[in-house]
N, C-alpha and C. Protein backbone atom coordinates (compact mmCIF):
# COMPACT_ATOMS: atom_id res chain seq x y z
N UNK A 1 24.56 -27.83 -57.57
CA UNK A 1 24.32 -26.48 -57.08
C UNK A 1 22.80 -26.25 -56.99
N UNK A 2 22.36 -25.73 -55.87
CA UNK A 2 20.94 -25.46 -55.67
C UNK A 2 20.50 -24.28 -56.53
N UNK A 3 19.28 -24.38 -57.02
CA UNK A 3 18.74 -23.32 -57.86
C UNK A 3 17.80 -22.42 -57.05
N UNK A 4 17.72 -21.18 -57.48
CA UNK A 4 16.79 -20.23 -56.90
C UNK A 4 15.47 -20.32 -57.64
N UNK A 5 14.37 -20.30 -56.90
CA UNK A 5 13.05 -20.28 -57.53
C UNK A 5 12.77 -18.86 -58.00
N UNK A 6 12.36 -18.71 -59.26
CA UNK A 6 12.00 -17.40 -59.79
C UNK A 6 10.64 -17.00 -59.24
N UNK A 7 10.59 -15.87 -58.57
CA UNK A 7 9.35 -15.36 -57.99
C UNK A 7 8.90 -14.18 -58.84
N UNK A 8 7.72 -14.29 -59.46
CA UNK A 8 7.35 -13.34 -60.50
C UNK A 8 6.19 -12.40 -60.15
N UNK A 9 5.58 -12.59 -58.99
CA UNK A 9 4.50 -11.68 -58.55
C UNK A 9 4.63 -11.47 -57.04
N UNK A 10 4.02 -10.40 -56.57
CA UNK A 10 4.02 -10.14 -55.12
C UNK A 10 3.34 -11.28 -54.39
N UNK A 11 2.22 -11.79 -54.91
CA UNK A 11 1.53 -12.91 -54.26
C UNK A 11 2.42 -14.15 -54.21
N UNK A 12 3.14 -14.41 -55.27
CA UNK A 12 4.07 -15.55 -55.31
C UNK A 12 5.15 -15.37 -54.24
N UNK A 13 5.65 -14.15 -54.09
CA UNK A 13 6.68 -13.85 -53.09
C UNK A 13 6.13 -14.06 -51.68
N UNK A 14 4.93 -13.53 -51.42
CA UNK A 14 4.32 -13.67 -50.10
C UNK A 14 4.07 -15.15 -49.77
N UNK A 15 3.59 -15.91 -50.75
CA UNK A 15 3.35 -17.34 -50.54
C UNK A 15 4.66 -18.07 -50.26
N UNK A 16 5.71 -17.70 -50.98
CA UNK A 16 7.02 -18.32 -50.81
C UNK A 16 7.53 -18.09 -49.39
N UNK A 17 7.47 -16.85 -48.93
CA UNK A 17 7.94 -16.51 -47.58
C UNK A 17 7.09 -17.23 -46.52
N UNK A 18 5.79 -17.24 -46.73
CA UNK A 18 4.87 -17.83 -45.76
C UNK A 18 4.92 -19.34 -45.68
N UNK A 19 5.38 -20.00 -46.74
CA UNK A 19 5.32 -21.45 -46.77
C UNK A 19 6.63 -22.14 -46.38
N UNK A 20 7.64 -21.36 -46.00
CA UNK A 20 8.92 -21.94 -45.58
C UNK A 20 9.33 -21.38 -44.22
N UNK A 21 9.87 -22.24 -43.38
CA UNK A 21 10.36 -21.77 -42.09
C UNK A 21 11.51 -20.79 -42.30
N UNK A 22 12.42 -21.13 -43.20
CA UNK A 22 13.54 -20.26 -43.55
C UNK A 22 13.45 -19.96 -45.04
N UNK A 23 13.36 -18.68 -45.40
CA UNK A 23 13.32 -18.31 -46.81
C UNK A 23 14.29 -17.16 -47.06
N UNK A 24 14.92 -17.23 -48.22
CA UNK A 24 15.93 -16.25 -48.61
C UNK A 24 15.53 -15.67 -49.96
N UNK A 25 15.58 -14.35 -50.06
CA UNK A 25 15.28 -13.67 -51.32
C UNK A 25 16.51 -12.94 -51.81
N UNK A 26 16.80 -13.13 -53.09
CA UNK A 26 17.87 -12.39 -53.77
C UNK A 26 17.17 -11.51 -54.79
N UNK A 27 17.23 -10.20 -54.56
CA UNK A 27 16.53 -9.24 -55.42
C UNK A 27 17.57 -8.51 -56.25
N UNK A 28 17.39 -8.55 -57.57
CA UNK A 28 18.37 -7.95 -58.47
C UNK A 28 17.69 -7.35 -59.69
N UNK A 29 18.49 -6.77 -60.55
CA UNK A 29 18.04 -6.26 -61.85
C UNK A 29 18.96 -6.85 -62.92
N UNK A 30 18.43 -7.05 -64.12
CA UNK A 30 19.23 -7.68 -65.18
C UNK A 30 20.49 -6.90 -65.56
N UNK A 31 20.46 -5.57 -65.51
CA UNK A 31 21.60 -4.78 -65.96
C UNK A 31 22.53 -4.36 -64.82
N UNK A 32 22.47 -5.04 -63.70
CA UNK A 32 23.26 -4.69 -62.51
C UNK A 32 24.51 -5.58 -62.44
N UNK A 33 25.67 -4.98 -62.65
CA UNK A 33 26.91 -5.77 -62.64
C UNK A 33 27.23 -6.29 -61.24
N UNK A 34 26.92 -5.52 -60.21
CA UNK A 34 27.15 -5.97 -58.83
C UNK A 34 26.29 -7.20 -58.55
N UNK A 35 25.04 -7.16 -59.01
CA UNK A 35 24.12 -8.29 -58.82
C UNK A 35 24.66 -9.56 -59.45
N UNK A 36 25.13 -9.44 -60.68
CA UNK A 36 25.64 -10.61 -61.41
C UNK A 36 26.93 -11.13 -60.81
N UNK A 37 27.75 -10.25 -60.26
CA UNK A 37 29.00 -10.67 -59.63
C UNK A 37 28.79 -11.34 -58.28
N UNK A 38 27.77 -10.90 -57.56
CA UNK A 38 27.51 -11.42 -56.22
C UNK A 38 26.76 -12.75 -56.23
N UNK A 39 25.89 -12.94 -57.20
CA UNK A 39 25.02 -14.13 -57.22
C UNK A 39 25.79 -15.45 -57.13
N UNK A 40 26.87 -15.67 -57.89
CA UNK A 40 27.59 -16.94 -57.76
C UNK A 40 28.14 -17.18 -56.35
N UNK A 41 28.59 -16.12 -55.69
CA UNK A 41 29.10 -16.25 -54.32
C UNK A 41 27.97 -16.64 -53.36
N UNK A 42 26.82 -16.02 -53.54
CA UNK A 42 25.66 -16.33 -52.69
C UNK A 42 25.21 -17.77 -52.94
N UNK A 43 25.17 -18.16 -54.22
CA UNK A 43 24.77 -19.54 -54.57
C UNK A 43 25.68 -20.55 -53.89
N UNK A 44 26.97 -20.31 -53.95
CA UNK A 44 27.94 -21.22 -53.33
C UNK A 44 27.74 -21.27 -51.82
N UNK A 45 27.57 -20.13 -51.19
CA UNK A 45 27.37 -20.08 -49.75
C UNK A 45 26.11 -20.83 -49.34
N UNK A 46 25.04 -20.69 -50.09
CA UNK A 46 23.77 -21.30 -49.74
C UNK A 46 23.79 -22.83 -49.81
N UNK A 47 24.82 -23.39 -50.42
CA UNK A 47 24.99 -24.85 -50.44
C UNK A 47 25.13 -25.37 -49.00
N UNK A 48 25.63 -24.54 -48.10
CA UNK A 48 25.86 -24.93 -46.71
C UNK A 48 24.58 -24.89 -45.87
N UNK A 49 23.50 -24.38 -46.45
CA UNK A 49 22.25 -24.20 -45.70
C UNK A 49 21.08 -24.83 -46.46
N UNK A 50 21.02 -26.15 -46.47
CA UNK A 50 19.99 -26.83 -47.28
C UNK A 50 18.56 -26.59 -46.84
N UNK A 51 18.35 -26.16 -45.61
CA UNK A 51 16.98 -25.93 -45.12
C UNK A 51 16.43 -24.57 -45.49
N UNK A 52 17.24 -23.72 -46.10
CA UNK A 52 16.78 -22.39 -46.50
C UNK A 52 16.23 -22.46 -47.92
N UNK A 53 14.98 -22.06 -48.10
CA UNK A 53 14.36 -21.99 -49.43
C UNK A 53 14.91 -20.75 -50.13
N UNK A 54 15.28 -20.91 -51.40
CA UNK A 54 15.93 -19.84 -52.15
C UNK A 54 15.01 -19.26 -53.21
N UNK A 55 14.82 -17.95 -53.17
CA UNK A 55 13.99 -17.28 -54.16
C UNK A 55 14.74 -16.13 -54.80
N UNK A 56 14.50 -15.92 -56.09
CA UNK A 56 15.10 -14.81 -56.82
C UNK A 56 14.00 -13.93 -57.39
N UNK A 57 14.21 -12.61 -57.29
CA UNK A 57 13.23 -11.66 -57.81
C UNK A 57 13.94 -10.68 -58.73
N UNK A 58 13.42 -10.54 -59.94
CA UNK A 58 13.88 -9.51 -60.86
C UNK A 58 13.07 -8.26 -60.54
N UNK A 59 13.73 -7.25 -59.97
CA UNK A 59 13.03 -6.04 -59.52
C UNK A 59 12.41 -5.26 -60.67
N UNK A 60 12.90 -5.46 -61.89
CA UNK A 60 12.28 -4.80 -63.05
C UNK A 60 10.97 -5.48 -63.42
N UNK A 61 10.92 -6.78 -63.29
CA UNK A 61 9.71 -7.54 -63.65
C UNK A 61 8.64 -7.44 -62.57
N UNK A 62 9.04 -7.31 -61.31
CA UNK A 62 8.11 -7.22 -60.19
C UNK A 62 8.35 -5.88 -59.50
N UNK A 63 7.84 -4.82 -60.13
CA UNK A 63 8.11 -3.47 -59.65
C UNK A 63 7.59 -3.21 -58.24
N UNK A 64 6.53 -3.90 -57.84
CA UNK A 64 5.94 -3.69 -56.51
C UNK A 64 6.89 -4.14 -55.39
N UNK A 65 7.91 -4.92 -55.72
CA UNK A 65 8.82 -5.43 -54.70
C UNK A 65 9.55 -4.27 -54.00
N UNK A 66 9.80 -3.20 -54.72
CA UNK A 66 10.50 -2.05 -54.12
C UNK A 66 9.69 -1.46 -52.97
N UNK A 67 8.41 -1.28 -53.18
CA UNK A 67 7.55 -0.73 -52.12
C UNK A 67 7.31 -1.72 -51.01
N UNK A 68 7.12 -2.98 -51.35
CA UNK A 68 6.81 -4.01 -50.35
C UNK A 68 7.94 -4.19 -49.36
N UNK A 69 9.20 -4.15 -49.85
CA UNK A 69 10.35 -4.40 -48.98
C UNK A 69 11.22 -3.16 -48.76
N UNK A 70 10.72 -1.98 -49.13
CA UNK A 70 11.46 -0.72 -48.99
C UNK A 70 12.86 -0.82 -49.59
N UNK A 71 12.91 -1.13 -50.87
CA UNK A 71 14.18 -1.32 -51.57
C UNK A 71 14.46 -0.11 -52.45
N UNK A 72 15.67 0.43 -52.31
CA UNK A 72 16.05 1.61 -53.08
C UNK A 72 17.19 1.33 -54.05
N UNK A 73 17.87 0.21 -53.87
CA UNK A 73 18.96 -0.18 -54.74
C UNK A 73 19.05 -1.71 -54.75
N UNK A 74 19.82 -2.24 -55.67
CA UNK A 74 20.02 -3.69 -55.74
C UNK A 74 21.52 -3.97 -55.79
N UNK A 75 21.97 -5.15 -55.46
CA UNK A 75 21.19 -6.29 -54.99
C UNK A 75 20.78 -6.15 -53.53
N UNK A 76 19.71 -6.88 -53.18
CA UNK A 76 19.24 -6.95 -51.80
C UNK A 76 19.11 -8.42 -51.44
N UNK A 77 19.67 -8.78 -50.29
CA UNK A 77 19.60 -10.15 -49.78
C UNK A 77 18.75 -10.10 -48.51
N UNK A 78 17.67 -10.88 -48.49
CA UNK A 78 16.76 -10.89 -47.33
C UNK A 78 16.59 -12.32 -46.84
N UNK A 79 16.73 -12.49 -45.53
CA UNK A 79 16.46 -13.79 -44.92
C UNK A 79 15.27 -13.64 -43.99
N UNK A 80 14.29 -14.55 -44.15
CA UNK A 80 13.11 -14.55 -43.32
C UNK A 80 13.06 -15.83 -42.50
N UNK A 81 12.68 -15.69 -41.23
CA UNK A 81 12.45 -16.84 -40.36
C UNK A 81 10.99 -16.77 -39.97
N UNK A 82 10.25 -17.79 -40.37
CA UNK A 82 8.80 -17.87 -40.12
C UNK A 82 8.10 -16.57 -40.51
N UNK A 83 8.47 -16.05 -41.68
CA UNK A 83 7.82 -14.87 -42.24
C UNK A 83 8.34 -13.54 -41.76
N UNK A 84 9.26 -13.54 -40.80
CA UNK A 84 9.79 -12.29 -40.26
C UNK A 84 11.20 -12.06 -40.79
N UNK A 85 11.47 -10.83 -41.24
CA UNK A 85 12.79 -10.50 -41.78
C UNK A 85 13.83 -10.47 -40.65
N UNK A 86 14.91 -11.23 -40.84
CA UNK A 86 15.99 -11.29 -39.85
C UNK A 86 17.30 -10.71 -40.37
N UNK A 87 17.55 -10.84 -41.66
CA UNK A 87 18.78 -10.30 -42.24
C UNK A 87 18.43 -9.51 -43.48
N UNK A 88 19.09 -8.36 -43.61
CA UNK A 88 18.98 -7.53 -44.82
C UNK A 88 20.38 -7.05 -45.17
N UNK A 89 20.84 -7.42 -46.33
CA UNK A 89 22.12 -6.93 -46.85
C UNK A 89 21.83 -6.24 -48.17
N UNK A 90 22.47 -5.09 -48.39
CA UNK A 90 22.18 -4.29 -49.57
C UNK A 90 23.47 -3.85 -50.26
N UNK A 91 23.44 -3.92 -51.59
CA UNK A 91 24.47 -3.44 -52.50
C UNK A 91 25.83 -4.10 -52.29
N UNK A 92 26.65 -3.59 -51.40
CA UNK A 92 27.97 -4.17 -51.16
C UNK A 92 27.85 -5.12 -49.97
N UNK A 93 28.01 -6.40 -50.24
CA UNK A 93 27.82 -7.42 -49.21
C UNK A 93 29.16 -8.01 -48.82
N UNK A 94 29.49 -7.96 -47.56
CA UNK A 94 30.70 -8.59 -47.04
C UNK A 94 30.32 -10.03 -46.72
N UNK A 95 30.77 -10.94 -47.55
CA UNK A 95 30.34 -12.34 -47.46
C UNK A 95 30.69 -12.97 -46.12
N UNK A 96 31.83 -12.64 -45.54
CA UNK A 96 32.22 -13.22 -44.24
C UNK A 96 31.22 -12.83 -43.15
N UNK A 97 30.86 -11.55 -43.11
CA UNK A 97 29.90 -11.08 -42.10
C UNK A 97 28.51 -11.66 -42.36
N UNK A 98 28.14 -11.75 -43.62
CA UNK A 98 26.86 -12.33 -43.98
C UNK A 98 26.80 -13.79 -43.54
N UNK A 99 27.88 -14.52 -43.76
CA UNK A 99 27.92 -15.93 -43.37
C UNK A 99 27.82 -16.07 -41.85
N UNK A 100 28.47 -15.20 -41.09
CA UNK A 100 28.38 -15.24 -39.63
C UNK A 100 26.94 -15.06 -39.17
N UNK A 101 26.26 -14.09 -39.74
CA UNK A 101 24.86 -13.84 -39.38
C UNK A 101 24.00 -15.06 -39.72
N UNK A 102 24.21 -15.61 -40.92
CA UNK A 102 23.45 -16.79 -41.34
C UNK A 102 23.67 -17.96 -40.40
N UNK A 103 24.94 -18.20 -40.03
CA UNK A 103 25.27 -19.30 -39.13
C UNK A 103 24.52 -19.20 -37.81
N UNK A 104 24.52 -18.02 -37.21
CA UNK A 104 23.84 -17.83 -35.93
C UNK A 104 22.36 -18.15 -36.03
N UNK A 105 21.71 -17.60 -37.02
CA UNK A 105 20.28 -17.82 -37.18
C UNK A 105 19.99 -19.28 -37.51
N UNK A 106 20.75 -19.83 -38.45
CA UNK A 106 20.51 -21.21 -38.90
C UNK A 106 20.66 -22.19 -37.75
N UNK A 107 21.70 -22.02 -36.94
CA UNK A 107 21.92 -22.92 -35.80
C UNK A 107 20.79 -22.80 -34.77
N UNK A 108 20.30 -21.59 -34.55
CA UNK A 108 19.21 -21.39 -33.59
C UNK A 108 17.90 -21.98 -34.08
N UNK A 109 17.65 -21.90 -35.37
CA UNK A 109 16.38 -22.37 -35.91
C UNK A 109 16.41 -23.88 -36.19
N UNK A 110 17.47 -24.34 -36.83
CA UNK A 110 17.57 -25.75 -37.24
C UNK A 110 18.15 -26.63 -36.13
N UNK A 111 19.10 -26.07 -35.41
CA UNK A 111 19.68 -26.82 -34.29
C UNK A 111 20.97 -27.37 -34.61
C-alpha cells in the first residue's frame, strides 16, 4: 500500500505541489471521524494511480492550509495537475464519482 507523505508546512506543501506533475492532497484533522473513515478508501483507490504523488496534511498542525486552499471543513481531497487544482472533494465524498473524475484526468495526463 502506498504511503502519503506528511506535509507539515505551507512551504513544504507548495514545494510538493510544484515538484510533481500530478499531486494529491488529503487534508484532515485528528479528531474527525469522517476523515478517518474515508482515508482507507482513498488509500486503496490511489493504488490504481501510481503516477500521482500523495500528500497528507493535518489541518490542526498546519493552520495556514485553511486560508491557502479556502477550506472550511474536513476532509478535503485536492488533485493538482502541474500545480493547478483540478479536483476538489469536500466532507462527504462519493468514491465512484471521484474515481470517474480521477480516471478522466489521469488518462489525459499520463496517456
